[in-house]
Amino acid sequence: MALEYLYTHWKSIFLASGFTDDVAQEEYQTWCEGLGGDLDNEFQQNEFSVRSAAKEAVNELKEYS
């Protein structure tokens, strides 16, 4: 997957928010699947977009926890 190298940014947001690596991995996989496997969509992602998506995911998880 084209987004493998961006996982470290995602993981750092989750760990800083008190979530485990397992939760970060599961949520990252869900987010990647949501991109639909469209390579154009995957290659448009960058550090900023991944960090923003991770922050949004963390906020949603905290809301429902």
N, C-alpha and C. Protein backbone atom coordinates (compact mmCIF):
# COMPACT_ATOMS: atom_id res chain seq x y z
N MET A 1 0.84 -1.18 0.00
CA MET A 1 0.00 0.00 0.00
C MET A 1 0.88 1.24 0.00
N ALA A 2 0.48 2.22 -0.71
CA ALA A 2 1.26 3.45 -0.86
C ALA A 2 1.38 4.24 0.44
N LEU A 3 0.52 3.98 1.39
CA LEU A 3 0.48 4.78 2.61
C LEU A 3 1.28 4.20 3.78
N GLU A 4 1.98 3.12 3.56
CA GLU A 4 2.73 2.48 4.65
C GLU A 4 3.69 3.44 5.33
N TYR A 5 4.37 4.25 4.55
CA TYR A 5 5.39 5.14 5.12
C TYR A 5 4.80 6.26 5.97
N LEU A 6 3.51 6.51 5.85
CA LEU A 6 2.87 7.57 6.63
C LEU A 6 2.34 7.08 7.98
N TYR A 7 2.39 5.78 8.20
CA TYR A 7 1.83 5.22 9.44
C TYR A 7 2.51 5.80 10.68
N THR A 8 3.80 6.10 10.63
CA THR A 8 4.50 6.62 11.80
C THR A 8 3.87 7.92 12.30
N HIS A 9 3.39 8.74 11.39
CA HIS A 9 2.74 9.99 11.77
C HIS A 9 1.40 9.71 12.46
N TRP A 10 0.66 8.78 11.90
CA TRP A 10 -0.63 8.36 12.47
C TRP A 10 -0.41 7.81 13.88
N LYS A 11 0.55 6.90 13.98
CA LYS A 11 0.84 6.24 15.25
C LYS A 11 1.23 7.25 16.33
N SER A 12 2.02 8.23 15.98
CA SER A 12 2.46 9.21 16.98
C SER A 12 1.29 9.98 17.58
N ILE A 13 0.29 10.29 16.77
CA ILE A 13 -0.91 10.99 17.26
C ILE A 13 -1.67 10.09 18.23
N PHE A 14 -1.83 8.83 17.88
CA PHE A 14 -2.56 7.90 18.73
C PHE A 14 -1.84 7.64 20.05
N LEU A 15 -0.54 7.42 19.98
CA LEU A 15 0.22 7.15 21.21
C LEU A 15 0.22 8.37 22.13
N ALA A 16 0.35 9.56 21.57
CA ALA A 16 0.33 10.78 22.37
C ALA A 16 -1.03 11.00 23.03
N SER A 17 -2.06 10.41 22.45
CA SER A 17 -3.42 10.55 23.00
C SER A 17 -3.78 9.42 23.96
N GLY A 18 -2.83 8.53 24.23
CA GLY A 18 -3.06 7.48 25.21
C GLY A 18 -3.59 6.18 24.65
N PHE A 19 -3.65 6.04 23.34
CA PHE A 19 -4.12 4.80 22.73
C PHE A 19 -2.94 3.87 22.47
N THR A 20 -3.22 2.59 22.36
CA THR A 20 -2.16 1.61 22.12
C THR A 20 -1.85 1.52 20.63
N ASP A 21 -0.73 0.88 20.35
CA ASP A 21 -0.33 0.66 18.95
C ASP A 21 -1.36 -0.20 18.23
N ASP A 22 -1.95 -1.16 18.94
CA ASP A 22 -2.96 -2.02 18.32
C ASP A 22 -4.16 -1.21 17.84
N VAL A 23 -4.60 -0.28 18.67
CA VAL A 23 -5.73 0.57 18.29
C VAL A 23 -5.34 1.44 17.10
N ALA A 24 -4.15 1.99 17.14
CA ALA A 24 -3.67 2.83 16.04
C ALA A 24 -3.64 2.04 14.73
N GLN A 25 -3.13 0.83 14.78
CA GLN A 25 -3.06 0.00 13.57
C GLN A 25 -4.45 -0.31 13.02
N GLU A 26 -5.35 -0.67 13.91
CA GLU A 26 -6.71 -1.01 13.47
C GLU A 26 -7.40 0.19 12.84
N GLU A 27 -7.27 1.34 13.49
CA GLU A 27 -7.90 2.55 12.96
C GLU A 27 -7.25 3.01 11.66
N TYR A 28 -5.94 2.84 11.54
CA TYR A 28 -5.23 3.21 10.31
C TYR A 28 -5.70 2.34 9.15
N GLN A 29 -5.83 1.05 9.43
CA GLN A 29 -6.31 0.13 8.39
C GLN A 29 -7.72 0.52 7.94
N THR A 30 -8.56 0.86 8.89
CA THR A 30 -9.93 1.28 8.56
C THR A 30 -9.91 2.54 7.72
N TRP A 31 -9.07 3.49 8.10
CA TRP A 31 -8.96 4.74 7.34
C TRP A 31 -8.46 4.47 5.92
N CYS A 32 -7.45 3.64 5.79
CA CYS A 32 -6.90 3.31 4.47
C CYS A 32 -7.94 2.63 3.59
N GLU A 33 -8.72 1.73 4.19
CA GLU A 33 -9.77 1.06 3.44
C GLU A 33 -10.82 2.07 2.95
N GLY A 34 -11.03 3.10 3.73
CA GLY A 34 -11.99 4.14 3.36
C GLY A 34 -11.56 4.94 2.15
N LEU A 35 -10.28 4.88 1.82
CA LEU A 35 -9.80 5.57 0.62
C LEU A 35 -10.20 4.81 -0.64
N GLY A 36 -10.68 3.60 -0.46
CA GLY A 36 -11.21 2.83 -1.56
C GLY A 36 -10.17 2.19 -2.46
N GLY A 37 -8.91 2.20 -2.05
CA GLY A 37 -7.88 1.58 -2.86
C GLY A 37 -7.56 2.35 -4.13
N ASP A 38 -8.11 3.54 -4.25
CA ASP A 38 -7.86 4.37 -5.41
C ASP A 38 -6.45 4.95 -5.30
N LEU A 39 -5.56 4.53 -6.19
CA LEU A 39 -4.16 4.96 -6.08
C LEU A 39 -4.02 6.47 -6.16
N ASP A 40 -4.81 7.13 -6.96
CA ASP A 40 -4.73 8.59 -7.01
C ASP A 40 -5.04 9.18 -5.64
N ASN A 41 -6.05 8.64 -4.99
CA ASN A 41 -6.41 9.11 -3.66
C ASN A 41 -5.30 8.81 -2.66
N GLU A 42 -4.72 7.61 -2.74
CA GLU A 42 -3.65 7.24 -1.83
C GLU A 42 -2.44 8.14 -2.01
N PHE A 43 -2.06 8.41 -3.24
CA PHE A 43 -0.86 9.20 -3.49
C PHE A 43 -1.07 10.69 -3.23
N GLN A 44 -2.29 11.11 -3.05
CA GLN A 44 -2.56 12.51 -2.70
C GLN A 44 -2.39 12.74 -1.20
N GLN A 45 -2.27 11.69 -0.44
CA GLN A 45 -2.12 11.83 1.01
C GLN A 45 -0.69 12.25 1.33
N ASN A 46 -0.55 13.03 2.38
CA ASN A 46 0.76 13.46 2.83
C ASN A 46 0.76 13.50 4.35
N GLU A 47 1.87 13.91 4.93
CA GLU A 47 1.98 13.93 6.39
C GLU A 47 0.85 14.75 7.03
N PHE A 48 0.56 15.91 6.48
CA PHE A 48 -0.48 16.76 7.04
C PHE A 48 -1.85 16.10 6.99
N SER A 49 -2.20 15.51 5.84
CA SER A 49 -3.53 14.91 5.72
C SER A 49 -3.67 13.69 6.63
N VAL A 50 -2.58 12.93 6.79
CA VAL A 50 -2.63 11.77 7.67
C VAL A 50 -2.74 12.20 9.12
N ARG A 51 -1.97 13.20 9.52
CA ARG A 51 -2.04 13.70 10.90
C ARG A 51 -3.44 14.27 11.19
N SER A 52 -4.00 14.98 10.24
CA SER A 52 -5.35 15.53 10.41
C SER A 52 -6.39 14.43 10.57
N ALA A 53 -6.28 13.40 9.73
CA ALA A 53 -7.22 12.28 9.82
C ALA A 53 -7.04 11.54 11.15
N ALA A 54 -5.81 11.40 11.61
CA ALA A 54 -5.56 10.72 12.88
C ALA A 54 -6.16 11.51 14.04
N LYS A 55 -6.00 12.82 14.02
CA LYS A 55 -6.58 13.65 15.08
C LYS A 55 -8.10 13.54 15.09
N GLU A 56 -8.69 13.52 13.92
CA GLU A 56 -10.14 13.36 13.82
C GLU A 56 -10.57 12.00 14.36
N ALA A 57 -9.83 10.95 14.01
CA ALA A 57 -10.15 9.61 14.49
C ALA A 57 -10.01 9.52 16.00
N VAL A 58 -8.98 10.13 16.56
CA VAL A 58 -8.79 10.14 18.01
C VAL A 58 -9.95 10.85 18.68
N ASN A 59 -10.35 11.99 18.15
CA ASN A 59 -11.48 12.72 18.73
C ASN A 59 -12.76 11.89 18.70
N GLU A 60 -12.98 11.19 17.61
CA GLU A 60 -14.18 10.34 17.52
C GLU A 60 -14.11 9.20 18.52
N LEU A 61 -12.94 8.58 18.67
CA LEU A 61 -12.80 7.49 19.63
C LEU A 61 -13.02 7.98 21.06
N LYS A 62 -12.51 9.13 21.38
CA LYS A 62 -12.68 9.70 22.73
C LYS A 62 -14.14 10.04 22.99
N GLU A 63 -14.82 10.48 21.94
CA GLU A 63 -16.24 10.83 22.05
C GLU A 63 -17.08 9.61 22.40
N TYR A 64 -16.71 8.46 21.84
CA TYR A 64 -17.50 7.25 22.03
C TYR A 64 -16.96 6.34 23.12
N SER A 65 -15.91 6.77 23.78
CA SER A 65 -15.33 5.93 24.85
C SER A 65 -15.98 6.23 26.18
